[in-house]
N, C-alpha and C. Protein backbone atom coordinates (compact mmCIF):
# COMPACT_ATOMS: atom_id res chain seq x y z
N MET A 1 94.63 2.30 60.74
CA MET A 1 95.79 1.56 61.18
C MET A 1 96.28 2.05 62.54
N GLY A 2 96.15 3.36 62.77
CA GLY A 2 96.60 3.93 64.03
C GLY A 2 95.82 3.37 65.22
N GLN A 3 94.52 3.15 65.04
CA GLN A 3 93.71 2.60 66.13
C GLN A 3 94.15 1.19 66.47
N ILE A 4 94.54 0.43 65.48
CA ILE A 4 95.00 -0.94 65.73
C ILE A 4 96.32 -0.90 66.49
N VAL A 5 97.21 0.02 66.13
CA VAL A 5 98.50 0.13 66.83
C VAL A 5 98.28 0.52 68.29
N VAL A 6 97.39 1.47 68.53
CA VAL A 6 97.10 1.88 69.91
C VAL A 6 96.50 0.72 70.69
N ALA A 7 95.60 -0.02 70.09
CA ALA A 7 94.99 -1.17 70.77
C ALA A 7 96.02 -2.25 71.07
N LEU A 8 96.93 -2.50 70.14
CA LEU A 8 97.99 -3.48 70.38
C LEU A 8 98.94 -3.01 71.48
N ALA A 9 99.21 -1.71 71.53
CA ALA A 9 100.04 -1.17 72.61
C ALA A 9 99.33 -1.32 73.95
N ALA A 10 98.03 -1.12 73.98
CA ALA A 10 97.26 -1.31 75.21
C ALA A 10 97.30 -2.76 75.67
N ILE A 11 97.21 -3.68 74.72
CA ILE A 11 97.29 -5.10 75.07
C ILE A 11 98.67 -5.43 75.62
N ALA A 12 99.72 -4.90 75.00
CA ALA A 12 101.09 -5.15 75.48
C ALA A 12 101.27 -4.58 76.89
N LEU A 13 100.76 -3.39 77.13
CA LEU A 13 100.86 -2.78 78.45
C LEU A 13 100.09 -3.58 79.49
N ALA A 14 98.91 -4.05 79.13
CA ALA A 14 98.11 -4.87 80.05
C ALA A 14 98.81 -6.18 80.37
N LEU A 15 99.43 -6.79 79.38
CA LEU A 15 100.17 -8.03 79.63
C LEU A 15 101.38 -7.77 80.52
N PHE A 16 102.03 -6.62 80.34
CA PHE A 16 103.15 -6.25 81.21
C PHE A 16 102.67 -6.09 82.66
N PHE A 17 101.55 -5.38 82.86
CA PHE A 17 101.02 -5.22 84.21
C PHE A 17 100.65 -6.56 84.83
N ARG A 18 100.11 -7.44 84.01
CA ARG A 18 99.76 -8.78 84.51
C ARG A 18 100.99 -9.54 84.97
N SER A 19 102.07 -9.43 84.20
CA SER A 19 103.30 -10.13 84.58
C SER A 19 103.91 -9.51 85.83
N GLU A 20 103.81 -8.20 85.97
CA GLU A 20 104.32 -7.54 87.18
C GLU A 20 103.47 -7.91 88.39
N ALA A 21 102.18 -8.05 88.20
CA ALA A 21 101.28 -8.37 89.32
C ALA A 21 101.46 -9.79 89.81
N ALA A 22 102.12 -10.62 89.04
CA ALA A 22 102.35 -12.01 89.46
C ALA A 22 103.21 -12.07 90.72
N ALA A 23 104.02 -11.04 90.94
CA ALA A 23 104.89 -11.01 92.12
C ALA A 23 104.17 -10.43 93.35
N TYR A 24 102.97 -9.90 93.18
CA TYR A 24 102.22 -9.33 94.30
C TYR A 24 101.60 -10.43 95.13
N PRO A 25 101.22 -10.10 96.37
CA PRO A 25 100.41 -11.05 97.14
C PRO A 25 99.09 -11.32 96.40
N PRO A 26 98.48 -12.49 96.60
CA PRO A 26 97.28 -12.85 95.83
C PRO A 26 96.16 -11.81 95.88
N THR A 27 95.90 -11.23 97.04
CA THR A 27 94.82 -10.24 97.12
C THR A 27 95.20 -8.96 96.40
N ALA A 28 96.46 -8.58 96.44
CA ALA A 28 96.90 -7.36 95.76
C ALA A 28 96.95 -7.55 94.26
N ALA A 29 97.11 -8.78 93.79
CA ALA A 29 97.20 -9.04 92.35
C ALA A 29 95.84 -9.08 91.67
N ARG A 30 94.78 -9.14 92.44
CA ARG A 30 93.44 -9.25 91.82
C ARG A 30 93.08 -8.03 90.99
N LEU A 31 93.32 -6.84 91.54
CA LEU A 31 92.95 -5.62 90.82
C LEU A 31 93.73 -5.45 89.52
N PRO A 32 95.07 -5.57 89.53
CA PRO A 32 95.77 -5.47 88.24
C PRO A 32 95.36 -6.55 87.25
N ASP A 33 95.08 -7.75 87.74
CA ASP A 33 94.62 -8.82 86.84
C ASP A 33 93.28 -8.46 86.22
N LEU A 34 92.36 -7.98 87.04
CA LEU A 34 91.04 -7.60 86.54
C LEU A 34 91.14 -6.46 85.53
N LEU A 35 91.93 -5.44 85.87
CA LEU A 35 92.09 -4.31 84.95
C LEU A 35 92.74 -4.73 83.64
N SER A 36 93.71 -5.62 83.72
CA SER A 36 94.37 -6.06 82.48
C SER A 36 93.41 -6.85 81.59
N VAL A 37 92.55 -7.65 82.19
CA VAL A 37 91.57 -8.40 81.40
C VAL A 37 90.59 -7.43 80.73
N VAL A 38 90.13 -6.44 81.47
CA VAL A 38 89.21 -5.45 80.90
C VAL A 38 89.88 -4.69 79.76
N ILE A 39 91.13 -4.28 79.96
CA ILE A 39 91.85 -3.54 78.92
C ILE A 39 92.04 -4.40 77.67
N ILE A 40 92.41 -5.66 77.87
CA ILE A 40 92.60 -6.56 76.73
C ILE A 40 91.29 -6.76 75.97
N LEU A 41 90.20 -6.93 76.69
CA LEU A 41 88.90 -7.11 76.02
C LEU A 41 88.48 -5.85 75.25
N LEU A 42 88.68 -4.68 75.85
CA LEU A 42 88.33 -3.44 75.16
C LEU A 42 89.22 -3.20 73.94
N ALA A 43 90.50 -3.51 74.07
CA ALA A 43 91.41 -3.35 72.93
C ALA A 43 91.06 -4.32 71.80
N ALA A 44 90.71 -5.54 72.17
CA ALA A 44 90.30 -6.52 71.15
C ALA A 44 89.02 -6.06 70.46
N ALA A 45 88.10 -5.48 71.23
CA ALA A 45 86.87 -4.95 70.63
C ALA A 45 87.17 -3.79 69.69
N ALA A 46 88.14 -2.95 70.05
CA ALA A 46 88.52 -1.83 69.18
C ALA A 46 89.13 -2.34 67.88
N ILE A 47 89.96 -3.37 67.97
CA ILE A 47 90.55 -3.95 66.76
C ILE A 47 89.46 -4.56 65.89
N ALA A 48 88.53 -5.28 66.51
CA ALA A 48 87.43 -5.89 65.76
C ALA A 48 86.58 -4.83 65.08
N GLN A 49 86.35 -3.71 65.75
CA GLN A 49 85.56 -2.63 65.17
C GLN A 49 86.25 -2.05 63.94
N VAL A 50 87.55 -1.84 64.02
CA VAL A 50 88.28 -1.29 62.88
C VAL A 50 88.26 -2.27 61.71
N VAL A 51 88.51 -3.53 61.99
CA VAL A 51 88.51 -4.55 60.93
C VAL A 51 87.12 -4.66 60.31
N TRP A 52 86.09 -4.66 61.13
CA TRP A 52 84.72 -4.77 60.63
C TRP A 52 84.35 -3.57 59.76
N SER A 53 84.76 -2.37 60.18
CA SER A 53 84.42 -1.18 59.39
C SER A 53 85.15 -1.17 58.05
N ARG A 54 86.33 -1.78 57.99
CA ARG A 54 87.06 -1.83 56.71
C ARG A 54 86.54 -2.92 55.79
N LEU A 55 85.99 -3.97 56.36
CA LEU A 55 85.45 -5.06 55.55
C LEU A 55 84.05 -4.77 55.04
N ARG A 56 83.35 -3.87 55.71
CA ARG A 56 81.98 -3.53 55.34
C ARG A 56 81.98 -2.78 54.01
N PRO A 57 81.10 -3.14 53.10
CA PRO A 57 81.06 -2.43 51.81
C PRO A 57 80.59 -0.99 52.00
N ARG A 58 81.23 -0.08 51.25
CA ARG A 58 80.89 1.33 51.35
C ARG A 58 80.24 1.79 50.05
N PRO A 59 79.32 2.73 50.14
CA PRO A 59 78.75 3.31 48.92
C PRO A 59 79.83 4.08 48.15
N ALA A 60 79.70 4.14 46.85
CA ALA A 60 80.71 4.79 46.00
C ALA A 60 80.83 6.27 46.32
N LEU A 61 79.73 6.94 46.65
CA LEU A 61 79.77 8.37 46.94
C LEU A 61 80.57 8.64 48.20
N ALA A 62 80.34 7.88 49.25
CA ALA A 62 81.06 8.08 50.50
C ALA A 62 82.54 7.78 50.32
N GLU A 63 82.86 6.82 49.48
CA GLU A 63 84.25 6.46 49.25
C GLU A 63 84.99 7.58 48.54
N ALA A 64 84.32 8.26 47.63
CA ALA A 64 84.95 9.35 46.89
C ALA A 64 85.19 10.55 47.79
N GLU A 65 84.31 10.78 48.76
CA GLU A 65 84.45 11.94 49.64
C GLU A 65 85.52 11.75 50.69
N THR A 66 85.69 10.56 51.19
CA THR A 66 86.62 10.32 52.29
C THR A 66 87.88 9.65 51.78
N GLY A 67 88.61 10.27 50.92
CA GLY A 67 89.81 9.68 50.35
C GLY A 67 90.78 9.23 51.42
N SER A 68 91.67 8.33 51.04
CA SER A 68 92.63 7.79 51.99
C SER A 68 93.81 8.72 52.19
N ASP A 69 93.81 9.88 51.53
CA ASP A 69 94.91 10.83 51.64
C ASP A 69 94.61 11.90 52.69
N THR A 70 94.09 11.51 53.84
CA THR A 70 93.81 12.48 54.89
C THR A 70 95.12 12.95 55.50
N PRO A 71 95.24 14.25 55.78
CA PRO A 71 96.49 14.77 56.34
C PRO A 71 96.69 14.28 57.78
N THR A 72 97.94 14.17 58.15
CA THR A 72 98.28 13.73 59.50
C THR A 72 98.05 14.88 60.47
N ASP A 73 97.39 14.60 61.57
CA ASP A 73 97.16 15.59 62.61
C ASP A 73 98.36 15.56 63.56
N TRP A 74 99.35 16.40 63.27
CA TRP A 74 100.61 16.37 64.03
C TRP A 74 100.43 16.83 65.46
N ARG A 75 99.49 17.73 65.72
CA ARG A 75 99.26 18.19 67.10
C ARG A 75 98.76 17.04 67.96
N SER A 76 97.81 16.28 67.46
CA SER A 76 97.30 15.13 68.21
C SER A 76 98.38 14.08 68.40
N LEU A 77 99.19 13.88 67.39
CA LEU A 77 100.29 12.92 67.49
C LEU A 77 101.29 13.37 68.55
N ALA A 78 101.62 14.65 68.57
CA ALA A 78 102.55 15.18 69.57
C ALA A 78 101.96 15.08 70.98
N LEU A 79 100.67 15.37 71.12
CA LEU A 79 100.02 15.24 72.42
C LEU A 79 100.05 13.79 72.90
N GLY A 80 99.78 12.86 72.02
CA GLY A 80 99.82 11.44 72.39
C GLY A 80 101.21 11.00 72.79
N ALA A 81 102.22 11.43 72.03
CA ALA A 81 103.61 11.08 72.36
C ALA A 81 104.02 11.72 73.68
N GLY A 82 103.61 12.95 73.90
CA GLY A 82 103.93 13.62 75.17
C GLY A 82 103.26 12.93 76.35
N PHE A 83 102.03 12.51 76.16
CA PHE A 83 101.32 11.81 77.22
C PHE A 83 101.98 10.47 77.53
N LEU A 84 102.41 9.75 76.49
CA LEU A 84 103.11 8.49 76.69
C LEU A 84 104.43 8.72 77.44
N ALA A 85 105.15 9.78 77.07
CA ALA A 85 106.40 10.11 77.77
C ALA A 85 106.13 10.44 79.23
N LEU A 86 105.04 11.16 79.51
CA LEU A 86 104.69 11.47 80.90
C LEU A 86 104.39 10.21 81.69
N ILE A 87 103.71 9.25 81.10
CA ILE A 87 103.39 8.00 81.79
C ILE A 87 104.67 7.25 82.15
N ILE A 88 105.59 7.17 81.19
CA ILE A 88 106.85 6.47 81.45
C ILE A 88 107.66 7.21 82.51
N LEU A 89 107.74 8.52 82.42
CA LEU A 89 108.46 9.32 83.40
C LEU A 89 107.82 9.20 84.78
N TYR A 90 106.50 9.15 84.83
CA TYR A 90 105.79 8.99 86.11
C TYR A 90 106.14 7.65 86.76
N ALA A 91 106.16 6.59 85.97
CA ALA A 91 106.47 5.27 86.51
C ALA A 91 107.87 5.24 87.11
N PHE A 92 108.82 5.89 86.46
CA PHE A 92 110.18 5.92 86.99
C PHE A 92 110.33 6.90 88.15
N SER A 93 109.51 7.94 88.20
CA SER A 93 109.68 8.97 89.23
C SER A 93 109.11 8.58 90.59
N ILE A 94 108.18 7.65 90.63
CA ILE A 94 107.58 7.28 91.92
C ILE A 94 108.64 6.81 92.90
N THR A 95 109.60 6.02 92.44
CA THR A 95 110.63 5.51 93.36
C THR A 95 111.62 6.58 93.77
N ARG A 96 111.72 7.66 93.01
CA ARG A 96 112.70 8.70 93.32
C ARG A 96 112.11 9.87 94.10
N ILE A 97 110.94 10.34 93.71
CA ILE A 97 110.38 11.50 94.41
C ILE A 97 109.17 11.14 95.26
N GLY A 98 108.71 9.92 95.20
CA GLY A 98 107.62 9.47 96.05
C GLY A 98 106.26 9.67 95.41
N TYR A 99 105.33 8.83 95.84
CA TYR A 99 103.99 8.83 95.28
C TYR A 99 103.25 10.14 95.53
N LEU A 100 103.36 10.66 96.75
CA LEU A 100 102.58 11.85 97.11
C LEU A 100 103.06 13.12 96.42
N ILE A 101 104.22 13.09 95.81
CA ILE A 101 104.68 14.22 95.00
C ILE A 101 104.47 13.92 93.51
N ALA A 102 104.83 12.72 93.09
CA ALA A 102 104.77 12.37 91.67
C ALA A 102 103.34 12.38 91.13
N THR A 103 102.41 11.82 91.87
CA THR A 103 101.05 11.70 91.36
C THR A 103 100.38 13.05 91.13
N PRO A 104 100.35 13.95 92.13
CA PRO A 104 99.73 15.26 91.85
C PRO A 104 100.47 16.04 90.75
N LEU A 105 101.80 15.92 90.72
CA LEU A 105 102.57 16.64 89.71
C LEU A 105 102.24 16.15 88.30
N PHE A 106 102.22 14.84 88.13
CA PHE A 106 101.98 14.29 86.79
C PHE A 106 100.50 14.32 86.40
N LEU A 107 99.61 14.52 87.34
CA LEU A 107 98.22 14.79 86.99
C LEU A 107 98.03 16.25 86.62
N ALA A 108 98.80 17.13 87.26
CA ALA A 108 98.67 18.57 87.01
C ALA A 108 99.21 18.97 85.64
N ILE A 109 100.25 18.29 85.18
CA ILE A 109 100.88 18.69 83.91
C ILE A 109 99.90 18.61 82.73
N PRO A 110 99.25 17.47 82.48
CA PRO A 110 98.31 17.47 81.34
C PRO A 110 97.09 18.36 81.57
N LEU A 111 96.66 18.49 82.82
CA LEU A 111 95.51 19.36 83.08
C LEU A 111 95.88 20.82 82.84
N ALA A 112 97.13 21.20 83.12
CA ALA A 112 97.57 22.57 82.87
C ALA A 112 97.78 22.83 81.38
N VAL A 113 98.30 21.84 80.67
CA VAL A 113 98.58 22.03 79.25
C VAL A 113 97.29 22.01 78.42
N LEU A 114 96.45 21.03 78.67
CA LEU A 114 95.24 20.87 77.86
C LEU A 114 94.08 21.74 78.33
N ARG A 115 94.06 22.08 79.60
CA ARG A 115 93.00 22.90 80.22
C ARG A 115 91.59 22.40 79.91
N PRO A 116 91.32 21.10 80.17
CA PRO A 116 89.97 20.61 79.89
C PRO A 116 88.95 21.05 80.94
N ILE A 117 89.44 21.42 82.13
CA ILE A 117 88.57 21.85 83.22
C ILE A 117 89.20 23.05 83.91
N GLY A 118 88.43 23.71 84.75
CA GLY A 118 88.91 24.88 85.46
C GLY A 118 89.87 24.52 86.59
N LEU A 119 90.42 25.55 87.22
CA LEU A 119 91.42 25.36 88.27
C LEU A 119 90.85 24.64 89.48
N VAL A 120 89.69 25.03 89.94
CA VAL A 120 89.10 24.40 91.13
C VAL A 120 88.79 22.93 90.85
N ALA A 121 88.22 22.65 89.71
CA ALA A 121 87.92 21.26 89.35
C ALA A 121 89.20 20.45 89.18
N ALA A 122 90.25 21.06 88.64
CA ALA A 122 91.52 20.35 88.47
C ALA A 122 92.13 20.00 89.82
N VAL A 123 92.14 20.94 90.74
CA VAL A 123 92.69 20.67 92.07
C VAL A 123 91.87 19.61 92.78
N ALA A 124 90.55 19.69 92.67
CA ALA A 124 89.69 18.67 93.30
C ALA A 124 89.91 17.30 92.67
N THR A 125 90.07 17.25 91.36
CA THR A 125 90.32 15.98 90.67
C THR A 125 91.66 15.39 91.10
N ILE A 126 92.69 16.21 91.13
CA ILE A 126 94.02 15.73 91.53
C ILE A 126 93.99 15.21 92.96
N ALA A 127 93.36 15.94 93.87
CA ALA A 127 93.28 15.50 95.26
C ALA A 127 92.48 14.21 95.38
N ALA A 128 91.38 14.11 94.67
CA ALA A 128 90.54 12.91 94.76
C ALA A 128 91.25 11.68 94.19
N VAL A 129 91.88 11.83 93.03
CA VAL A 129 92.57 10.69 92.41
C VAL A 129 93.73 10.24 93.29
N THR A 130 94.50 11.19 93.81
CA THR A 130 95.62 10.84 94.69
C THR A 130 95.12 10.13 95.94
N ALA A 131 94.05 10.62 96.54
CA ALA A 131 93.51 10.00 97.75
C ALA A 131 92.94 8.62 97.48
N VAL A 132 92.24 8.44 96.39
CA VAL A 132 91.65 7.13 96.08
C VAL A 132 92.73 6.09 95.81
N ILE A 133 93.73 6.47 95.02
CA ILE A 133 94.82 5.52 94.74
C ILE A 133 95.58 5.21 96.02
N PHE A 134 95.83 6.21 96.85
CA PHE A 134 96.49 5.98 98.14
C PHE A 134 95.64 5.04 98.99
N GLY A 135 94.36 5.28 99.04
CA GLY A 135 93.48 4.44 99.85
C GLY A 135 93.46 3.00 99.38
N ILE A 136 93.43 2.79 98.08
CA ILE A 136 93.37 1.42 97.56
C ILE A 136 94.68 0.69 97.76
N PHE A 137 95.78 1.28 97.30
CA PHE A 137 97.04 0.55 97.26
C PHE A 137 97.81 0.57 98.57
N VAL A 138 97.76 1.66 99.32
CA VAL A 138 98.53 1.75 100.56
C VAL A 138 97.70 1.31 101.75
N TRP A 139 96.51 1.86 101.88
CA TRP A 139 95.72 1.57 103.07
C TRP A 139 95.01 0.22 102.98
N PHE A 140 94.34 -0.05 101.86
CA PHE A 140 93.54 -1.27 101.73
C PHE A 140 94.39 -2.50 101.40
N LEU A 141 95.27 -2.39 100.39
CA LEU A 141 96.06 -3.55 99.96
C LEU A 141 97.40 -3.67 100.69
N ASN A 142 97.76 -2.67 101.48
CA ASN A 142 99.01 -2.68 102.25
C ASN A 142 100.25 -2.89 101.38
N LEU A 143 100.28 -2.28 100.22
CA LEU A 143 101.46 -2.36 99.36
C LEU A 143 102.47 -1.31 99.79
N SER A 144 103.72 -1.64 99.71
CA SER A 144 104.76 -0.69 100.12
C SER A 144 105.14 0.19 98.93
N ILE A 145 104.47 1.31 98.84
CA ILE A 145 104.74 2.29 97.79
C ILE A 145 105.51 3.43 98.45
N PRO A 146 106.63 3.86 97.86
CA PRO A 146 107.37 4.98 98.46
C PRO A 146 106.52 6.25 98.39
N LEU A 147 106.18 6.79 99.56
CA LEU A 147 105.31 7.95 99.60
C LEU A 147 106.06 9.27 99.46
N TYR A 148 107.29 9.30 99.94
CA TYR A 148 108.08 10.53 99.96
C TYR A 148 109.38 10.31 99.21
N PRO A 149 110.12 11.39 98.92
CA PRO A 149 111.39 11.22 98.20
C PRO A 149 112.37 10.33 98.96
N ALA A 150 113.11 9.53 98.20
CA ALA A 150 114.13 8.69 98.81
C ALA A 150 115.30 9.57 99.21
N LEU A 151 115.68 9.47 100.46
CA LEU A 151 116.77 10.32 100.96
C LEU A 151 118.06 9.58 101.07
């Protein structure tokens, strides 16, 4: 059930981005439209996979071993909620502290907490992601994104 909820949330977020992109110039709206379509298709595929796996008949032995009383993984739930809170905070912070501060900061927080990669790789990843997003949205699409804190 959790996978279906996450997929539905992804669809809702993609539809929100699509509605926001409607106010962009036509060339700038292409990328958010394309990404939202891809997200919606992937989320629909995830929902279909969950439904298909539940409708498929299971052997009696496997059913007895994998009872429906699996314990809740609270750490993963807390990490997911924290990540969602970071995304929302990031969206609101861009207008206040600027893109060039908000993006590296909000990329560094999960990398520091989860430590999936080393320090050098984390710094390189943060710099590359910030530069690519800057290049696409500011340089290529000429969108007016606040780069520095509003004074």
